[in-house]
C-alpha atoms as a PDB file:
ATOM      1  CA  MET A   1     -45.625 -10.566 -44.159  1.00  0.00           C
ATOM      2  CA  THR A   2     -48.389 -10.675 -41.656  1.00  0.00           C
ATOM      3  CA  ALA A   3     -51.626 -12.674 -42.030  1.00  0.00           C
ATOM      4  CA  SER A   4     -54.963 -10.491 -42.378  1.00  0.00           C
ATOM      5  CA  ALA A   5     -57.414 -10.693 -39.379  1.00  0.00           C
ATOM      6  CA  ALA A   6     -59.636 -13.009 -41.343  1.00  0.00           C
ATOM      7  CA  ASP A   7     -56.685 -15.618 -41.537  1.00  0.00           C
ATOM      8  CA  GLN A   8     -56.079 -15.588 -37.666  1.00  0.00           C
ATOM      9  CA  PRO A   9     -58.146 -17.906 -35.443  1.00  0.00           C
ATOM     10  CA  LEU A  10     -60.654 -15.723 -33.379  1.00  0.00           C
ATOM     11  CA  ILE A  11     -59.351 -17.495 -30.197  1.00  0.00           C
ATOM     12  CA  PRO A  12     -57.253 -20.468 -29.184  1.00  0.00           C
ATOM     13  CA  GLN A  13     -58.493 -24.024 -29.678  1.00  0.00           C
ATOM     14  CA  PRO A  14     -60.173 -24.670 -25.987  1.00  0.00           C
ATOM     15  CA  PRO A  15     -59.766 -28.148 -24.402  1.00  0.00           C
ATOM     16  CA  SER A  16     -62.436 -30.494 -25.240  1.00  0.00           C
ATOM     17  CA  THR A  17     -64.514 -29.973 -22.153  1.00  0.00           C
ATOM     18  CA  VAL A  18     -68.089 -29.148 -21.749  1.00  0.00           C
ATOM     19  CA  THR A  19     -67.210 -25.765 -19.924  1.00  0.00           C
ATOM     20  CA  ALA A  20     -64.302 -24.760 -22.238  1.00  0.00           C
ATOM     21  CA  LEU A  21     -66.344 -25.592 -25.360  1.00  0.00           C
ATOM     22  CA  ARG A  22     -69.501 -23.636 -23.966  1.00  0.00           C
ATOM     23  CA  GLN A  23     -67.350 -20.787 -23.323  1.00  0.00           C
ATOM     24  CA  ALA A  24     -65.913 -20.822 -26.949  1.00  0.00           C
ATOM     25  CA  VAL A  25     -69.451 -21.087 -28.562  1.00  0.00           C
ATOM     26  CA  ALA A  26     -70.614 -18.274 -26.560  1.00  0.00           C
ATOM     27  CA  GLN A  27     -67.685 -16.168 -27.587  1.00  0.00           C
ATOM     28  CA  ILE A  28     -67.497 -17.136 -31.280  1.00  0.00           C
ATOM     29  CA  ALA A  29     -71.055 -18.340 -32.262  1.00  0.00           C
ATOM     30  CA  PRO A  30     -73.556 -17.394 -29.617  1.00  0.00           C
ATOM     31  CA  ALA A  31     -76.579 -18.109 -31.959  1.00  0.00           C
ATOM     32  CA  ALA A  32     -75.334 -21.867 -31.466  1.00  0.00           C
ATOM     33  CA  LEU A  33     -75.685 -22.142 -27.646  1.00  0.00           C
ATOM     34  CA  PRO A  34     -79.203 -23.193 -27.662  1.00  0.00           C
ATOM     35  CA  ALA A  35     -78.123 -26.231 -29.984  1.00  0.00           C
ATOM     36  CA  PHE A  36     -75.199 -26.780 -27.750  1.00  0.00           C
ATOM     37  CA  THR A  37     -77.319 -26.631 -24.727  1.00  0.00           C
ATOM     38  CA  ARG A  38     -80.023 -28.864 -26.124  1.00  0.00           C
ATOM     39  CA  GLU A  39     -77.445 -31.404 -27.445  1.00  0.00           C
ATOM     40  CA  LEU A  40     -75.539 -31.624 -24.191  1.00  0.00           C
ATOM     41  CA  ASP A  41     -78.980 -32.278 -22.435  1.00  0.00           C
ATOM     42  CA  GLN A  42     -79.465 -35.323 -24.975  1.00  0.00           C
ATOM     43  CA  ALA A  43     -76.178 -36.497 -24.279  1.00  0.00           C
ATOM     44  CA  ALA A  44     -76.358 -36.389 -20.633  1.00  0.00           C
ATOM     45  CA  ASP A  45     -79.741 -38.246 -20.661  1.00  0.00           C
ATOM     46  CA  GLN A  46     -78.413 -40.917 -23.056  1.00  0.00           C
ATOM     47  CA  ALA A  47     -75.243 -41.191 -20.745  1.00  0.00           C
ATOM     48  CA  ARG A  48     -77.307 -41.896 -17.553  1.00  0.00           C
ATOM     49  CA  LEU A  49     -79.849 -44.066 -19.348  1.00  0.00           C
ATOM     50  CA  GLY A  50     -76.945 -46.394 -20.499  1.00  0.00           C
ATOM     51  CA  SER A  51     -74.644 -45.893 -17.840  1.00  0.00           C
ATOM     52  CA  ASP A  52     -71.868 -44.995 -20.439  1.00  0.00           C
ATOM     53  CA  LEU A  53     -70.025 -41.818 -21.061  1.00  0.00           C
ATOM     54  CA  ALA A  54     -69.882 -42.592 -25.016  1.00  0.00           C
ATOM     55  CA  PRO A  55     -72.687 -39.809 -25.587  1.00  0.00           C
ATOM     56  CA  LEU A  56     -70.830 -37.231 -23.801  1.00  0.00           C
ATOM     57  CA  ARG A  57     -67.378 -38.110 -25.602  1.00  0.00           C
ATOM     58  CA  ARG A  58     -69.264 -37.730 -28.910  1.00  0.00           C
ATOM     59  CA  PHE A  59     -70.899 -34.509 -27.914  1.00  0.00           C
ATOM     60  CA  THR A  60     -67.359 -32.995 -26.691  1.00  0.00           C
ATOM     61  CA  ALA A  61     -65.804 -34.398 -29.899  1.00  0.00           C
ATOM     62  CA  HIS A  62     -68.517 -32.983 -32.188  1.00  0.00           C
ATOM     63  CA  TRP A  63     -68.316 -29.581 -30.495  1.00  0.00           C
ATOM     64  CA  ALA A  64     -64.591 -29.345 -30.508  1.00  0.00           C
ATOM     65  CA  VAL A  65     -64.684 -29.899 -34.332  1.00  0.00           C
ATOM     66  CA  TYR A  66     -67.340 -27.262 -34.953  1.00  0.00           C
ATOM     67  CA  VAL A  67     -65.187 -24.571 -32.663  1.00  0.00           C
ATOM     68  CA  GLN A  68     -62.333 -25.666 -34.557  1.00  0.00           C
ATOM     69  CA  ILE A  69     -63.711 -24.542 -37.615  1.00  0.00           C
ATOM     70  CA  GLN A  70     -66.089 -21.586 -36.374  1.00  0.00           C
ATOM     71  CA  ARG A  71     -62.927 -20.133 -34.824  1.00  0.00           C
ATOM     72  CA  GLN A  72     -61.260 -19.452 -38.098  1.00  0.00           C
ATOM     73  CA  PRO A  73     -63.539 -16.914 -40.056  1.00  0.00           C
ATOM     74  CA  ARG A  74     -62.336 -17.497 -43.774  1.00  0.00           C
ATOM     75  CA  LEU A  75     -62.978 -21.430 -42.935  1.00  0.00           C
ATOM     76  CA  ALA A  76     -66.228 -20.951 -41.187  1.00  0.00           C
ATOM     77  CA  MET A  77     -67.521 -18.671 -44.068  1.00  0.00           C
ATOM     78  CA  ARG A  78     -66.499 -21.431 -46.742  1.00  0.00           C
ATOM     79  CA  PHE A  79     -68.094 -24.011 -44.427  1.00  0.00           C
ATOM     80  CA  ARG A  80     -71.458 -22.100 -44.427  1.00  0.00           C
ATOM     81  CA  GLU A  81     -71.139 -21.304 -48.043  1.00  0.00           C
ATOM     82  CA  LEU A  82     -70.951 -25.217 -48.834  1.00  0.00           C
ATOM     83  CA  GLU A  83     -73.827 -26.288 -46.293  1.00  0.00           C
ATOM     84  CA  SER A  84     -75.943 -23.814 -48.432  1.00  0.00           C
ATOM     85  CA  VAL A  85     -75.014 -25.567 -51.635  1.00  0.00           C
ATOM     86  CA  VAL A  86     -75.772 -28.817 -50.044  1.00  0.00           C
ATOM     87  CA  ALA A  87     -79.091 -27.547 -48.971  1.00  0.00           C
ATOM     88  CA  THR A  88     -80.177 -25.572 -52.072  1.00  0.00           C
ATOM     89  CA  GLY A  89     -77.917 -26.801 -55.038  1.00  0.00           C
ATOM     90  CA  GLU A  90     -78.240 -29.085 -57.837  1.00  0.00           C
ATOM     91  CA  ALA A  91     -77.277 -32.876 -57.442  1.00  0.00           C
ATOM     92  CA  ASP A  92     -73.660 -32.558 -58.919  1.00  0.00           C
ATOM     93  CA  GLN A  93     -72.939 -29.459 -56.920  1.00  0.00           C
ATOM     94  CA  VAL A  94     -74.453 -31.101 -53.669  1.00  0.00           C
ATOM     95  CA  ARG A  95     -71.850 -34.095 -54.099  1.00  0.00           C
ATOM     96  CA  GLN A  96     -68.824 -31.810 -54.719  1.00  0.00           C
ATOM     97  CA  ALA A  97     -70.043 -29.333 -51.740  1.00  0.00           C
ATOM     98  CA  ALA A  98     -70.667 -32.480 -49.573  1.00  0.00           C
ATOM     99  CA  ALA A  99     -66.990 -33.932 -50.653  1.00  0.00           C
ATOM    100  CA  GLN A 100     -65.482 -30.670 -49.638  1.00  0.00           C
ATOM    101  CA  LEU A 101     -67.308 -30.347 -46.389  1.00  0.00           C
ATOM    102  CA  GLY A 102     -66.238 -34.012 -45.328  1.00  0.00           C
ATOM    103  CA  ARG A 103     -62.498 -32.949 -46.096  1.00  0.00           C
ATOM    104  CA  MET A 104     -62.932 -29.835 -44.080  1.00  0.00           C
ATOM    105  CA  LEU A 105     -64.186 -31.928 -41.249  1.00  0.00           C
ATOM    106  CA  ASP A 106     -61.236 -34.568 -41.358  1.00  0.00           C
ATOM    107  CA  ASP A 107     -58.902 -31.759 -41.426  1.00  0.00           C
ATOM    108  CA  ALA A 108     -60.397 -30.212 -38.253  1.00  0.00           C
ATOM    109  CA  ARG A 109     -60.413 -33.593 -36.398  1.00  0.00           C
ATOM    110  CA  GLY A 110     -56.852 -33.964 -37.776  1.00  0.00           C
ATOM    111  CA  ALA A 111     -55.689 -30.577 -36.199  1.00  0.00           C
ATOM    112  CA  LEU A 112     -57.515 -31.578 -32.898  1.00  0.00           C
ATOM    113  CA  SER A 113     -55.671 -35.074 -32.694  1.00  0.00           C
ATOM    114  CA  ARG A 114     -52.468 -33.281 -33.440  1.00  0.00           C
ATOM    115  CA  THR A 115     -53.053 -30.613 -30.545  1.00  0.00           C
ATOM    116  CA  SER A 116     -54.182 -33.173 -28.578  1.00  0.00           C
ATOM    117  CA  GLY A 117     -51.202 -35.638 -29.097  1.00  0.00           C
ATOM    118  CA  GLU A 118     -48.564 -32.798 -28.042  1.00  0.00           C
END
């Protein structure tokens, strides 16, 4: 049995480099490019001011997780649904949605660590 198109990733997970992540975001979520650029500028400024690459590492880690989720249509749709519940739901709904979002983020980080460890 073949999986539906909604079950297939739109693109392969790119390497966690600024260039590869920018290209992936442009392809799968072009509306997020302004945020990507703004956050990259902030991370670069922080790295320069502190003479430390940690802000750039955090930036690439964050956007790699974003791409990991957004490249999977059903997962991305569920993530957006849960974000909406967090923004507008009742307290119990918000707690449940936030917990699910946390698990989804943990799963995405885990998938990235497995692919980078191969």
